[in-house]
Each structure stands twice: as C-alpha cells, then as structure tokens.
Amino acid sequence: MEPISLARGVPDPELLPVDEIAASSRTVLDRAAPTVLSYGAAGGHPDLRAGIAERHELDPRRVLVSNGSLQGLALAAAHLLAGDRRRVIVEAPTYDRTLRLLASLGAEIVRVPVDEEGLDVEALEARLRRGARPAFLYTIPTFQNPTGTTLSLARRLRIAELARAHDLLILEDDPYALVRFDGEPLPSLFELLEGDGIVYASSFSKTVAPGLRVGYVLLPDGLAASVEALAASTYVAPVVLTQAIVGEFLARGLLEPALARIREGLRLRRDALVAALGEHLPVARWTRPDGGYFLWLELPQAIDAGVVLARAAGRGVTFVVGSDFGGGPSSARLAFSAVSPAEVHTGAVRLAEVVRSLPRRLLRQAA
C-alpha cells in the first residue's frame, strides 16, 4: 500500500518550477560564481534584498533575508524576548514550530481563540486590558496554519486599531497569502499599519520551492540593525547561492507563472479533499480554505484524533493531530498540498474508513 501524507505542508513535486529554477541557477553561476559561492552580507543577497524592499515599498535595510521565514521570526523573537517582557499572545491553535520556539525562549504563552473569521478580536482586546503588556502578538492572518482560516477585513482593521492604542508589536507570519485560489486578496496587517510597529515574515518556500530555504522578515527601523547583528552572530552569513537564484527567478518575471500553477494545483487538491470528506466522513466538520495548504478537521468529541492517527498510519495515511497546535484532542490538521488530487482523495477515504471502524459506542456518541 502506497503511503499518502496528509501531514506535510509542502508542494507536490509536480507543482515545482524545476526548469525555471535550473535556468535561473545556471545564469547565477555563470555570471557571479565567485560571489555567490562565498560568504555574503548577514542581511541577505543585495539584489534579492532590494527586490523585496521594492515590492513592499520600504528601505532595504529593513529587510532581513533568512534561511526560511521561521529563522527570521526566530531571530526577531529572540531579540524581543531578551528583555523583561516575556508574555506573548498567540492564536489557539497556531503553528506548532512557533509554539516550540517560543517555549524554548522562555515565553509566557497566552492563547486567544480562532474561529471561522480568524483571531477573536474581542478576546484579544480582553487580554490586552488585563495583565502585563505583551512583548508581541504572533498571528497568521491569511490561510492560517493549521486551520486554513483567514482573518476578515473588519478584524484586520480592528487589530490595527488595538495595536496603535495599546502600543502592541505584532509578528505577522504571512507565507501563504499569494497562494489564494478563491476570493479577493486582503491587505496585510503590515500594510494596514504602514509598516509601523510590526514585524512581517514571508517565504518563497510556499511559492517557489521549499528546498531553496529562502524567506525574509521586514523589521521596524528600531529593530532592523539589532536583528541583523544577531543573524551575523548566529550563522555568519545566509545561503547566498539560493538567495541569488530566487533573485534571478524574480527578475525574470517567473513568480507569477509559478503562482498560477501552484494555485490551480492546490485548488484541485483542496476540492478533492473537501469532496471526499463530504462523501465519506459526514460525521466530522472541517474548514474550507480559500487558499494555502491546510484545512482543519474536527472529529466528534468522543473520538481521539491520536487513536485515529495510529490506526490510519497502518492504513498508509498520515496527518497531524490538532493537539500539536494547541487544538482539542478530537481535532486534526490535514494538508492537501503534498500529493496528487487522486492521492488526496484516497487518503481521505482511508481516513474515513478508520473512523468508521472505531468501536460502535464512539460512533453512537458521535451521531
């Protein structure tokens, strides 16, 4: 039985722009091998750094190009948590790797729930009105990992108001926004706040190729130099070669065609997963994201997602239990990105078969 992963948030290899990356790589090596095969500036390859700055209409010195966006966020968080303030507000659920990172930095994690419109702003305001001022709010507003939900425009505007009123620094994690296949784009929090009092992170892992390991953070003027210095002391220099390749890829105008391919490919995979769940697992509930890589599954409360995962692995399908992200024991994150639409459908059918095979008392409680 061929294993099917509904666990990994990576693009199916067939969606990757392999030939375009190869051509960009050859050009970079032919033109600048002595430079890109040596150490570079800690802030990132200058051409890519300038291109990102132009895209976001800010000074290149505020851009840190990192080895994936999580590394940039880690550096910013480490700097911000080096002082007296340890309190960090996060969504519940949220990205599991960020939770582990914050725990390793000794953060006091305060959770605010997410619903179908994203972060609950009333709960956020209540948290801000009591207790010590947080070091920052960490949020994934668009196609959130793990739920796939998107923060509504009204809530984005309200969070921007709260940030100004409470002097709240925001870490906006935004790797999925360009991977939208339904609906209209929404302004980022970074745009609404005009880049003031906010750290913005994004990545080319979800839009070009994850193996290149190129992400970036946009930093406020008061943080940029300190975080870049921390980067230099941490890893001396980033991976200059892959940053130059991404820079050439962008300069050739290849991003939009790559996005068109991945948007259509992921839309087909999302539709396959939603259709299979509707047909074979009607006892559950799930989100239907307008983009991104994931949806959130809520099994009936009597069913433990960990038990389902253990049995599903025996049937050749894997996913991630929701408790890893701070969700409840009956929740799960299903990634529809890593395999073909047919495999996504087969994986969902196998998962449904496992749920239906559970003891009848659990299914009766679920009915």
Protein backbone atom coordinates (compact mmCIF):
# COMPACT_ATOMS: atom_id res chain seq x y z
CA MET A 1 0.00 0.00 0.00
CA GLU A 2 1.50 3.30 -1.11
CA PRO A 3 1.75 5.73 1.85
CA ILE A 4 -0.13 9.02 1.48
CA SER A 5 0.86 12.04 3.54
CA LEU A 6 -1.83 14.49 4.60
CA ALA A 7 0.71 15.73 7.14
CA ARG A 8 3.36 17.68 5.23
CA GLY A 9 2.79 21.30 4.25
CA VAL A 10 4.95 21.14 1.14
CA PRO A 11 4.00 21.39 -2.55
CA ASP A 12 3.67 18.24 -4.62
CA PRO A 13 6.91 17.97 -6.66
CA GLU A 14 4.89 18.19 -9.87
CA LEU A 15 3.94 21.78 -8.93
CA LEU A 16 7.55 22.97 -8.60
CA PRO A 17 9.05 25.15 -11.39
CA VAL A 18 12.06 22.87 -11.86
CA ASP A 19 13.15 24.02 -15.33
CA GLU A 20 12.80 27.69 -14.40
CA ILE A 21 14.86 27.24 -11.23
CA ALA A 22 17.51 25.33 -13.20
CA ALA A 23 17.77 28.13 -15.78
CA SER A 24 18.00 30.78 -13.05
CA SER A 25 20.69 28.74 -11.29
CA ARG A 26 22.80 28.44 -14.42
CA THR A 27 22.61 32.17 -15.04
CA VAL A 28 23.62 32.98 -11.46
CA LEU A 29 26.61 30.62 -11.55
CA ASP A 30 27.74 31.76 -14.99
CA ARG A 31 27.52 35.41 -14.01
CA ALA A 32 28.55 35.54 -10.36
CA ALA A 33 30.03 32.25 -9.15
CA PRO A 34 32.91 33.79 -7.14
CA THR A 35 30.44 35.99 -5.24
CA VAL A 36 27.55 33.60 -4.63
CA LEU A 37 29.82 30.72 -3.60
CA SER A 38 31.40 32.76 -0.82
CA TYR A 39 30.13 34.39 2.35
CA GLY A 40 27.76 37.30 1.94
CA ALA A 41 26.15 40.02 4.00
CA ALA A 42 24.18 38.82 7.01
CA GLY A 43 21.14 40.79 5.80
CA GLY A 44 20.92 38.80 2.59
CA HIS A 45 21.89 38.89 -1.07
CA PRO A 46 21.75 42.56 -2.06
CA ASP A 47 19.75 42.09 -5.29
CA LEU A 48 17.08 39.98 -3.62
CA ARG A 49 17.03 42.25 -0.59
CA ALA A 50 16.49 45.27 -2.84
CA GLY A 51 13.78 43.46 -4.82
CA ILE A 52 11.86 42.54 -1.67
CA ALA A 53 12.21 46.10 -0.38
CA GLU A 54 10.84 47.48 -3.65
CA ARG A 55 7.93 45.05 -3.55
CA HIS A 56 6.99 46.25 -0.05
CA GLU A 57 7.97 49.89 -0.64
CA LEU A 58 10.50 50.27 2.17
CA ASP A 59 14.21 50.78 2.78
CA PRO A 60 16.29 47.63 2.00
CA ARG A 61 17.97 48.00 5.40
CA ARG A 62 14.66 46.93 6.95
CA VAL A 63 14.75 43.60 5.08
CA LEU A 64 16.47 40.53 6.51
CA VAL A 65 16.61 37.62 4.05
CA SER A 66 16.85 34.44 6.09
CA ASN A 67 17.05 30.67 5.69
CA GLY A 68 13.28 30.28 5.58
CA SER A 69 10.87 32.67 7.26
CA LEU A 70 10.85 30.74 10.55
CA GLN A 71 14.52 31.53 11.07
CA GLY A 72 13.86 35.23 10.56
CA LEU A 73 10.98 35.07 13.02
CA ALA A 74 13.15 33.17 15.48
CA LEU A 75 15.81 35.88 15.37
CA ALA A 76 13.24 38.64 15.86
CA ALA A 77 11.54 36.76 18.71
CA ALA A 78 14.86 36.04 20.43
CA HIS A 79 15.75 39.73 20.36
CA LEU A 80 12.32 40.82 21.60
CA LEU A 81 12.27 38.27 24.44
CA ALA A 82 15.78 39.10 25.65
CA GLY A 83 14.41 41.82 27.96
CA ASP A 84 11.98 41.79 30.86
CA ARG A 85 8.78 41.23 28.91
CA ARG A 86 8.13 37.52 28.36
CA ARG A 87 4.40 37.50 27.62
CA VAL A 88 3.44 36.55 24.06
CA ILE A 89 -0.10 36.36 22.71
CA VAL A 90 -0.73 33.65 20.11
CA GLU A 91 -3.69 32.20 18.29
CA ALA A 92 -5.23 28.96 19.50
CA PRO A 93 -4.50 26.81 17.63
CA THR A 94 -1.34 28.04 15.89
CA TYR A 95 1.79 26.82 14.12
CA ASP A 96 3.41 24.11 16.22
CA ARG A 97 7.01 25.04 15.41
CA THR A 98 6.46 28.60 16.59
CA LEU A 99 4.98 27.28 19.83
CA ARG A 100 8.10 25.18 20.39
CA LEU A 101 10.34 28.11 19.50
CA LEU A 102 8.59 30.44 21.95
CA ALA A 103 8.73 27.81 24.68
CA SER A 104 12.48 27.39 24.13
CA LEU A 105 12.90 31.16 24.54
CA GLY A 106 11.08 31.08 27.88
CA ALA A 107 7.99 32.94 26.70
CA GLU A 108 4.80 33.08 28.76
CA ILE A 109 2.32 32.00 26.10
CA VAL A 110 -1.18 33.47 26.24
CA ARG A 111 -3.71 31.93 23.85
CA VAL A 112 -6.57 33.69 22.07
CA PRO A 113 -9.09 31.54 20.14
CA VAL A 114 -9.57 31.41 16.38
CA ASP A 115 -12.96 30.98 14.73
CA GLU A 116 -14.16 30.97 11.11
CA GLU A 117 -13.19 34.66 10.76
CA GLY A 118 -9.74 34.24 12.26
CA LEU A 119 -8.42 35.62 15.54
CA ASP A 120 -11.17 36.56 18.02
CA VAL A 121 -10.53 40.30 18.40
CA GLU A 122 -12.82 40.72 21.40
CA ALA A 123 -10.86 38.05 23.26
CA LEU A 124 -7.64 39.75 22.16
CA GLU A 125 -8.81 43.11 23.49
CA ALA A 126 -9.77 41.49 26.80
CA ARG A 127 -6.28 40.01 27.08
CA LEU A 128 -4.68 43.36 26.34
CA ARG A 129 -6.73 45.06 29.06
CA ARG A 130 -5.53 42.74 31.78
CA GLY A 131 -2.08 41.60 32.71
CA ALA A 132 1.30 42.90 31.70
CA ARG A 133 1.85 44.39 28.27
CA PRO A 134 2.97 41.58 25.94
CA ALA A 135 6.27 41.52 24.11
CA PHE A 136 4.27 40.90 20.94
CA LEU A 137 1.29 39.25 19.28
CA TYR A 138 2.12 36.38 16.92
CA THR A 139 -0.52 35.86 14.22
CA ILE A 140 -1.00 34.13 10.87
CA PRO A 141 -3.89 36.15 9.40
CA THR A 142 -4.18 34.55 5.96
CA PHE A 143 -4.84 30.82 5.36
CA GLN A 144 -3.71 30.17 8.88
CA ASN A 145 -1.58 27.20 9.80
CA PRO A 146 -3.17 24.91 10.97
CA THR A 147 -6.82 25.89 10.43
CA GLY A 148 -6.75 27.41 6.94
CA THR A 149 -8.95 30.28 8.16
CA THR A 150 -8.47 33.89 7.07
CA LEU A 151 -8.84 36.95 9.27
CA SER A 152 -11.71 39.10 7.98
CA LEU A 153 -11.11 42.67 6.84
CA ALA A 154 -13.15 44.07 9.74
CA ARG A 155 -11.00 42.16 12.23
CA ARG A 156 -7.79 43.23 10.50
CA LEU A 157 -8.83 46.86 10.84
CA ARG A 158 -9.72 46.33 14.50
CA ILE A 159 -6.39 44.64 15.27
CA ALA A 160 -4.59 47.57 13.67
CA GLU A 161 -6.57 49.92 15.95
CA LEU A 162 -5.75 47.83 19.02
CA ALA A 163 -2.06 47.71 18.10
CA ARG A 164 -1.92 51.50 17.96
CA ALA A 165 -3.98 52.01 21.10
CA HIS A 166 -2.00 49.53 23.21
CA ASP A 167 1.45 50.01 21.67
CA LEU A 168 1.29 46.35 20.68
CA LEU A 169 4.07 44.98 18.49
CA ILE A 170 2.82 42.38 16.00
CA LEU A 171 4.71 39.49 14.41
CA GLU A 172 2.71 38.77 11.24
CA ASP A 173 3.56 35.40 9.69
CA ASP A 174 2.37 35.51 6.08
CA PRO A 175 3.83 32.73 3.91
CA TYR A 176 0.55 31.71 2.23
CA ALA A 177 -1.17 34.93 1.11
CA LEU A 178 -0.04 34.67 -2.53
CA VAL A 179 -1.37 31.11 -2.72
CA ARG A 180 -5.01 32.23 -2.98
CA PHE A 181 -7.29 30.36 -5.34
CA ASP A 182 -10.70 31.73 -4.30
CA GLY A 183 -11.89 35.21 -3.29
CA GLU A 184 -10.20 38.58 -3.31
CA PRO A 185 -6.87 39.40 -1.60
CA LEU A 186 -6.99 41.28 1.70
CA PRO A 187 -4.48 43.85 2.93
CA SER A 188 -1.87 42.51 5.31
CA LEU A 189 -1.60 43.90 8.82
CA PHE A 190 1.78 45.26 7.73
CA GLU A 191 0.05 47.29 5.03
CA LEU A 192 -2.72 48.49 7.34
CA LEU A 193 -0.14 49.63 9.91
CA GLU A 194 2.03 51.11 7.13
CA GLY A 195 4.95 49.07 8.40
CA ASP A 196 4.95 50.73 11.83
CA GLY A 197 5.19 48.58 14.95
CA ILE A 198 5.10 45.30 13.09
CA VAL A 199 7.47 42.51 12.03
CA TYR A 200 6.32 40.85 8.82
CA ALA A 201 7.57 37.44 7.70
CA SER A 202 7.08 35.65 4.41
CA SER A 203 8.72 32.88 2.44
CA PHE A 204 9.47 31.63 -1.05
CA SER A 205 9.11 28.06 0.26
CA LYS A 206 5.37 28.08 -0.48
CA THR A 207 5.57 29.94 -3.79
CA VAL A 208 8.83 28.85 -5.48
CA ALA A 209 10.39 25.81 -3.75
CA PRO A 210 10.91 24.83 -0.10
CA GLY A 211 14.34 23.31 -0.72
CA LEU A 212 15.82 26.70 -1.60
CA ARG A 213 15.23 27.75 2.03
CA VAL A 214 14.69 31.44 1.30
CA GLY A 215 12.41 33.56 3.46
CA TYR A 216 12.51 37.08 4.82
CA VAL A 217 11.34 39.42 7.54
CA LEU A 218 10.53 43.11 7.33
CA LEU A 219 11.60 44.89 10.51
CA PRO A 220 10.81 48.24 12.12
CA ASP A 221 13.60 50.81 11.94
CA GLY A 222 14.36 50.37 15.64
CA LEU A 223 14.84 46.59 15.34
CA ALA A 224 16.48 46.05 11.96
CA ALA A 225 20.12 46.64 12.89
CA SER A 226 19.91 44.62 16.11
CA VAL A 227 18.25 41.62 14.47
CA GLU A 228 20.73 41.67 11.59
CA ALA A 229 23.58 41.72 14.11
CA LEU A 230 22.02 38.72 15.86
CA ALA A 231 21.81 36.94 12.50
CA ALA A 232 25.51 37.60 11.85
CA SER A 233 26.46 36.23 15.26
CA THR A 234 24.24 33.18 14.74
CA TYR A 235 25.18 31.96 11.28
CA VAL A 236 27.76 34.47 9.89
CA ALA A 237 26.03 34.63 6.51
CA PRO A 238 22.89 33.18 4.90
CA VAL A 239 22.81 30.80 1.92
CA VAL A 240 23.87 33.34 -0.70
CA LEU A 241 23.60 30.97 -3.67
CA THR A 242 19.94 30.10 -3.22
CA GLN A 243 19.07 33.71 -2.43
CA ALA A 244 20.71 34.78 -5.70
CA ILE A 245 18.77 32.08 -7.55
CA VAL A 246 15.48 33.35 -6.13
CA GLY A 247 16.51 36.89 -7.03
CA GLU A 248 17.16 35.85 -10.64
CA PHE A 249 13.88 33.89 -10.70
CA LEU A 250 12.00 37.04 -9.68
CA ALA A 251 13.94 39.29 -12.08
CA ARG A 252 12.94 37.01 -14.97
CA GLY A 253 9.26 37.50 -14.12
CA LEU A 254 8.81 33.83 -13.26
CA LEU A 255 6.96 34.23 -9.97
CA GLU A 256 3.51 34.91 -11.42
CA PRO A 257 3.54 31.87 -13.74
CA ALA A 258 4.75 29.74 -10.82
CA LEU A 259 1.95 31.10 -8.65
CA ALA A 260 -0.64 30.37 -11.33
CA ARG A 261 0.48 26.75 -11.47
CA ILE A 262 0.57 26.22 -7.72
CA ARG A 263 -2.77 27.99 -7.16
CA GLU A 264 -4.55 25.80 -9.67
CA GLY A 265 -2.82 22.66 -8.42
CA LEU A 266 -3.69 23.34 -4.79
CA ARG A 267 -7.27 24.30 -5.64
CA LEU A 268 -7.75 20.89 -7.27
CA ARG A 269 -6.29 19.18 -4.22
CA ARG A 270 -8.42 21.16 -1.78
CA ASP A 271 -11.53 20.34 -3.80
CA ALA A 272 -10.62 16.65 -3.84
CA LEU A 273 -10.21 16.60 -0.06
CA VAL A 274 -13.40 18.53 0.68
CA ALA A 275 -15.40 16.34 -1.69
CA ALA A 276 -14.04 13.12 -0.17
CA LEU A 277 -14.74 14.28 3.38
CA GLY A 278 -18.27 15.28 2.41
CA GLU A 279 -18.96 11.91 0.86
CA HIS A 280 -17.18 9.61 3.29
CA LEU A 281 -16.88 11.42 6.63
CA PRO A 282 -20.09 13.43 7.15
CA VAL A 283 -19.87 12.87 10.91
CA ALA A 284 -16.99 15.38 11.04
CA ARG A 285 -16.69 19.15 10.43
CA TRP A 286 -13.94 20.95 8.56
CA THR A 287 -12.87 24.32 7.22
CA ARG A 288 -12.86 25.12 3.51
CA PRO A 289 -9.90 27.47 2.97
CA ASP A 290 -9.73 29.90 0.05
CA GLY A 291 -6.02 29.25 -0.32
CA GLY A 292 -2.94 27.89 1.39
CA TYR A 293 -2.02 24.32 2.21
CA PHE A 294 -4.25 23.09 5.05
CA LEU A 295 -7.72 22.52 6.38
CA TRP A 296 -8.80 21.85 9.95
CA LEU A 297 -10.80 18.76 10.80
CA GLU A 298 -12.98 18.43 13.88
CA LEU A 299 -13.98 14.87 14.67
CA PRO A 300 -16.79 14.30 17.16
CA GLN A 301 -15.64 14.90 20.74
CA ALA A 302 -15.84 11.22 21.66
CA ILE A 303 -13.14 10.39 19.11
CA ASP A 304 -9.45 10.83 19.92
CA ALA A 305 -7.52 12.01 16.86
CA GLY A 306 -4.38 10.34 18.24
CA VAL A 307 -6.09 6.95 18.15
CA VAL A 308 -7.29 7.65 14.62
CA LEU A 309 -3.76 8.63 13.53
CA ALA A 310 -2.24 5.44 14.94
CA ARG A 311 -4.76 3.32 13.06
CA ALA A 312 -4.60 5.45 9.91
CA ALA A 313 -0.82 5.03 9.75
CA GLY A 314 -1.45 1.30 9.49
CA ARG A 315 -3.70 2.05 6.51
CA GLY A 316 -0.95 4.10 4.87
CA VAL A 317 -2.19 7.63 5.56
CA THR A 318 -0.80 10.22 7.97
CA PHE A 319 -1.86 13.63 9.27
CA VAL A 320 -1.02 15.83 12.26
CA VAL A 321 -3.13 15.75 15.40
CA GLY A 322 -4.61 19.09 16.39
CA SER A 323 -3.23 18.94 19.92
CA ASP A 324 0.25 19.59 18.47
CA PHE A 325 -1.00 23.08 17.58
CA GLY A 326 -2.91 23.68 20.79
CA GLY A 327 -6.18 22.28 19.47
CA GLY A 328 -8.51 19.83 21.12
CA PRO A 329 -8.00 16.04 21.27
CA SER A 330 -10.53 15.37 18.52
CA SER A 331 -9.02 17.83 16.02
CA ALA A 332 -6.53 17.34 13.18
CA ARG A 333 -4.71 19.29 10.50
CA LEU A 334 -4.99 17.84 7.02
CA ALA A 335 -2.50 19.08 4.41
CA PHE A 336 -3.75 18.71 0.84
CA SER A 337 -0.58 20.01 -0.84
CA ALA A 338 1.99 17.23 -0.91
CA VAL A 339 0.37 14.58 -3.11
CA SER A 340 -1.79 14.42 -6.23
CA PRO A 341 -5.57 15.11 -6.19
CA ALA A 342 -6.24 11.39 -6.63
CA GLU A 343 -3.98 10.56 -3.68
CA VAL A 344 -5.61 13.29 -1.57
CA HIS A 345 -8.99 11.67 -2.26
CA THR A 346 -7.69 8.17 -1.49
CA GLY A 347 -6.09 9.38 1.73
CA ALA A 348 -9.36 10.93 2.89
CA VAL A 349 -11.26 7.75 2.07
CA ARG A 350 -8.79 5.68 4.10
CA LEU A 351 -9.10 8.12 6.98
CA ALA A 352 -12.89 7.86 6.87
CA GLU A 353 -12.68 4.07 6.87
CA VAL A 354 -10.57 4.20 10.02
CA VAL A 355 -13.10 6.44 11.75
CA ARG A 356 -15.98 4.17 10.74
CA SER A 357 -14.07 1.16 12.11
CA LEU A 358 -13.94 2.63 15.62
CA PRO A 359 -15.97 0.96 18.38
CA ARG A 360 -19.70 1.41 17.86
CA ARG A 361 -20.14 3.16 21.21
CA LEU A 362 -17.93 6.01 19.98
CA LEU A 363 -19.82 6.28 16.72
CA ARG A 364 -23.15 6.25 18.58
CA GLN A 365 -21.89 9.12 20.75
CA ALA A 366 -20.84 10.92 17.57
CA ALA A 367 -24.23 10.55 15.92
